[in-house]
Structure formats: structure tokens, C-alpha cells
N, C-alpha and C. Protein backbone atom coordinates (compact mmCIF):
# COMPACT_ATOMS: atom_id res chain seq x y z
N MET A 1 -1.08 5.38 8.23
CA MET A 1 -0.06 5.28 7.22
C MET A 1 0.37 3.82 7.11
N LEU A 2 0.57 3.39 5.88
CA LEU A 2 1.11 2.06 5.60
C LEU A 2 2.51 2.24 5.02
N LYS A 3 3.40 1.34 5.37
CA LYS A 3 4.76 1.37 4.82
C LYS A 3 5.00 0.05 4.11
N VAL A 4 5.48 0.13 2.89
CA VAL A 4 5.89 -1.07 2.17
C VAL A 4 7.26 -1.44 2.73
N GLU A 5 7.35 -2.59 3.36
CA GLU A 5 8.57 -2.98 4.06
C GLU A 5 9.73 -3.08 3.08
N GLY A 6 10.80 -2.45 3.40
CA GLY A 6 11.99 -2.42 2.55
C GLY A 6 13.20 -2.80 3.35
N PRO A 7 14.36 -2.60 2.81
CA PRO A 7 14.57 -1.84 1.58
C PRO A 7 14.18 -2.64 0.35
N LEU A 8 13.68 -1.93 -0.64
CA LEU A 8 13.28 -2.54 -1.91
C LEU A 8 14.39 -2.33 -2.93
N ASP A 9 14.64 -3.34 -3.71
CA ASP A 9 15.62 -3.22 -4.78
C ASP A 9 15.13 -2.20 -5.80
N PHE A 10 16.01 -1.34 -6.25
CA PHE A 10 15.63 -0.26 -7.16
C PHE A 10 15.09 -0.79 -8.49
N SER A 11 15.41 -2.03 -8.84
CA SER A 11 14.96 -2.59 -10.12
C SER A 11 13.53 -3.15 -10.05
N LEU A 12 12.96 -3.24 -8.87
CA LEU A 12 11.59 -3.73 -8.74
C LEU A 12 10.61 -2.70 -9.27
N ILE A 13 9.63 -3.16 -10.03
CA ILE A 13 8.63 -2.25 -10.60
C ILE A 13 7.23 -2.76 -10.29
N GLY A 14 6.28 -1.84 -10.22
CA GLY A 14 4.88 -2.22 -10.10
C GLY A 14 4.37 -2.48 -8.70
N ILE A 15 5.20 -2.32 -7.69
CA ILE A 15 4.76 -2.61 -6.32
C ILE A 15 3.66 -1.65 -5.90
N LEU A 16 3.93 -0.38 -6.01
CA LEU A 16 2.93 0.62 -5.62
C LEU A 16 1.70 0.55 -6.51
N SER A 17 1.91 0.25 -7.77
CA SER A 17 0.79 0.13 -8.71
C SER A 17 -0.15 -0.99 -8.29
N SER A 18 0.41 -2.11 -7.91
CA SER A 18 -0.41 -3.26 -7.49
C SER A 18 -1.21 -2.94 -6.23
N ILE A 19 -0.55 -2.33 -5.27
CA ILE A 19 -1.23 -1.99 -4.01
C ILE A 19 -2.30 -0.95 -4.25
N SER A 20 -1.98 0.08 -5.02
CA SER A 20 -2.96 1.15 -5.25
C SER A 20 -4.16 0.65 -6.05
N THR A 21 -3.96 -0.33 -6.92
CA THR A 21 -5.08 -0.90 -7.67
C THR A 21 -6.05 -1.61 -6.73
N VAL A 22 -5.51 -2.39 -5.79
CA VAL A 22 -6.36 -3.08 -4.81
C VAL A 22 -7.19 -2.06 -4.03
N LEU A 23 -6.55 -0.99 -3.59
CA LEU A 23 -7.26 0.01 -2.79
C LEU A 23 -8.25 0.80 -3.64
N ALA A 24 -7.89 1.11 -4.86
CA ALA A 24 -8.80 1.86 -5.75
C ALA A 24 -10.06 1.06 -6.03
N GLN A 25 -9.93 -0.25 -6.17
CA GLN A 25 -11.10 -1.09 -6.41
C GLN A 25 -12.09 -1.04 -5.25
N ARG A 26 -11.59 -0.73 -4.07
CA ARG A 26 -12.44 -0.58 -2.88
C ARG A 26 -12.81 0.88 -2.61
N LYS A 27 -12.49 1.75 -3.58
CA LYS A 27 -12.80 3.19 -3.46
C LYS A 27 -12.07 3.85 -2.28
N ILE A 28 -10.84 3.39 -2.02
CA ILE A 28 -10.02 3.96 -0.95
C ILE A 28 -8.98 4.87 -1.59
N SER A 29 -9.08 6.15 -1.27
CA SER A 29 -8.14 7.13 -1.81
C SER A 29 -6.83 7.08 -1.02
N ILE A 30 -5.72 7.30 -1.72
CA ILE A 30 -4.42 7.28 -1.07
C ILE A 30 -3.59 8.48 -1.50
N PHE A 31 -2.57 8.76 -0.72
CA PHE A 31 -1.51 9.69 -1.09
C PHE A 31 -0.23 8.89 -0.91
N ALA A 32 0.50 8.67 -1.98
CA ALA A 32 1.68 7.82 -1.94
C ALA A 32 2.95 8.67 -1.94
N ILE A 33 3.90 8.24 -1.14
CA ILE A 33 5.22 8.85 -1.11
C ILE A 33 6.22 7.73 -1.39
N SER A 34 7.01 7.91 -2.43
CA SER A 34 8.00 6.91 -2.80
C SER A 34 9.40 7.45 -2.56
N THR A 35 10.23 6.62 -1.95
CA THR A 35 11.64 6.95 -1.80
C THR A 35 12.42 5.92 -2.60
N PHE A 36 13.73 6.02 -2.58
CA PHE A 36 14.52 5.11 -3.39
C PHE A 36 14.48 3.68 -2.88
N ASP A 37 14.10 3.46 -1.62
CA ASP A 37 14.12 2.08 -1.13
C ASP A 37 12.85 1.62 -0.42
N THR A 38 11.81 2.44 -0.39
CA THR A 38 10.53 2.01 0.18
C THR A 38 9.42 2.96 -0.27
N ASP A 39 8.20 2.59 0.01
CA ASP A 39 7.04 3.41 -0.32
C ASP A 39 6.18 3.58 0.94
N TYR A 40 5.54 4.72 1.03
CA TYR A 40 4.61 5.01 2.12
C TYR A 40 3.26 5.32 1.50
N ILE A 41 2.20 4.81 2.12
CA ILE A 41 0.84 5.04 1.63
C ILE A 41 0.05 5.70 2.75
N LEU A 42 -0.35 6.93 2.52
CA LEU A 42 -1.16 7.67 3.48
C LEU A 42 -2.61 7.57 3.05
N LEU A 43 -3.48 7.36 4.03
CA LEU A 43 -4.90 7.26 3.74
C LEU A 43 -5.70 7.83 4.90
N LYS A 44 -6.95 8.07 4.67
CA LYS A 44 -7.82 8.61 5.71
C LYS A 44 -7.97 7.58 6.83
N SER A 45 -8.02 8.07 8.06
CA SER A 45 -8.11 7.15 9.20
C SER A 45 -9.35 6.27 9.13
N GLN A 46 -10.45 6.79 8.61
CA GLN A 46 -11.67 5.98 8.53
C GLN A 46 -11.57 4.87 7.48
N ASP A 47 -10.57 4.94 6.60
CA ASP A 47 -10.37 3.91 5.57
C ASP A 47 -9.34 2.86 5.97
N PHE A 48 -8.67 3.06 7.11
CA PHE A 48 -7.55 2.20 7.47
C PHE A 48 -7.95 0.73 7.58
N ASP A 49 -8.99 0.43 8.33
CA ASP A 49 -9.40 -0.98 8.51
C ASP A 49 -9.82 -1.61 7.19
N ASN A 50 -10.53 -0.86 6.35
CA ASN A 50 -10.93 -1.38 5.04
C ASN A 50 -9.71 -1.64 4.16
N ALA A 51 -8.71 -0.78 4.26
CA ALA A 51 -7.49 -0.96 3.47
C ALA A 51 -6.76 -2.22 3.90
N ILE A 52 -6.65 -2.43 5.19
CA ILE A 52 -6.00 -3.65 5.71
C ILE A 52 -6.74 -4.88 5.22
N GLN A 53 -8.06 -4.86 5.32
CA GLN A 53 -8.87 -6.00 4.89
C GLN A 53 -8.70 -6.24 3.39
N ALA A 54 -8.71 -5.18 2.60
CA ALA A 54 -8.56 -5.31 1.14
C ALA A 54 -7.22 -5.92 0.79
N LEU A 55 -6.16 -5.45 1.41
CA LEU A 55 -4.83 -5.95 1.09
C LEU A 55 -4.64 -7.39 1.54
N THR A 56 -5.10 -7.73 2.73
CA THR A 56 -4.95 -9.12 3.19
C THR A 56 -5.78 -10.08 2.35
N SER A 57 -6.94 -9.63 1.90
CA SER A 57 -7.77 -10.51 1.06
C SER A 57 -7.13 -10.76 -0.30
N GLU A 58 -6.21 -9.90 -0.70
CA GLU A 58 -5.50 -10.08 -1.97
C GLU A 58 -4.13 -10.74 -1.78
N GLY A 59 -3.86 -11.21 -0.56
CA GLY A 59 -2.64 -11.96 -0.32
C GLY A 59 -1.45 -11.16 0.20
N TYR A 60 -1.65 -9.88 0.47
CA TYR A 60 -0.57 -9.08 1.04
C TYR A 60 -0.47 -9.37 2.53
N GLU A 61 0.74 -9.44 3.04
CA GLU A 61 0.95 -9.60 4.47
C GLU A 61 1.01 -8.22 5.09
N VAL A 62 0.15 -7.97 6.05
CA VAL A 62 0.09 -6.66 6.70
C VAL A 62 0.50 -6.85 8.15
N ILE A 63 1.51 -6.10 8.55
CA ILE A 63 2.00 -6.14 9.93
C ILE A 63 1.62 -4.82 10.58
N THR A 64 0.88 -4.90 11.68
CA THR A 64 0.45 -3.66 12.35
C THR A 64 1.19 -3.46 13.65
């Protein structure tokens, strides 16, 4: 599971869209859960390392 570090301001838009686009381009399926102040991204365990690599290569900071 990945967590988008929050709390996120409610007026922010496109955060989950940007992340899911990066993962979709790598053919990584996700299940997203959004709350009012953060997002969670669930993915298959075998895709975890590829997801981390994809996000860091696009400039996202990933803390494990």
C-alpha cells in the first residue's frame, strides 16, 4: 500500500490522477481509496517495486 502524505488541502485537485497515470503507463493496476485529507493506493505485492521505481523516475518522493 502507498499513502499520499497528508493532510492534503481539500482544494487540491489531480493528485491521484497524476499518480495513477504514471502507474497506468507501466501497466500497474491500482485500487485507490480517497479520504478528505489523504489518498491510499493499493496494488499487488508483485507490482510494488515497479510502482516505486515508476514514481521516483517521474520525480515523486517515495518514503518507505
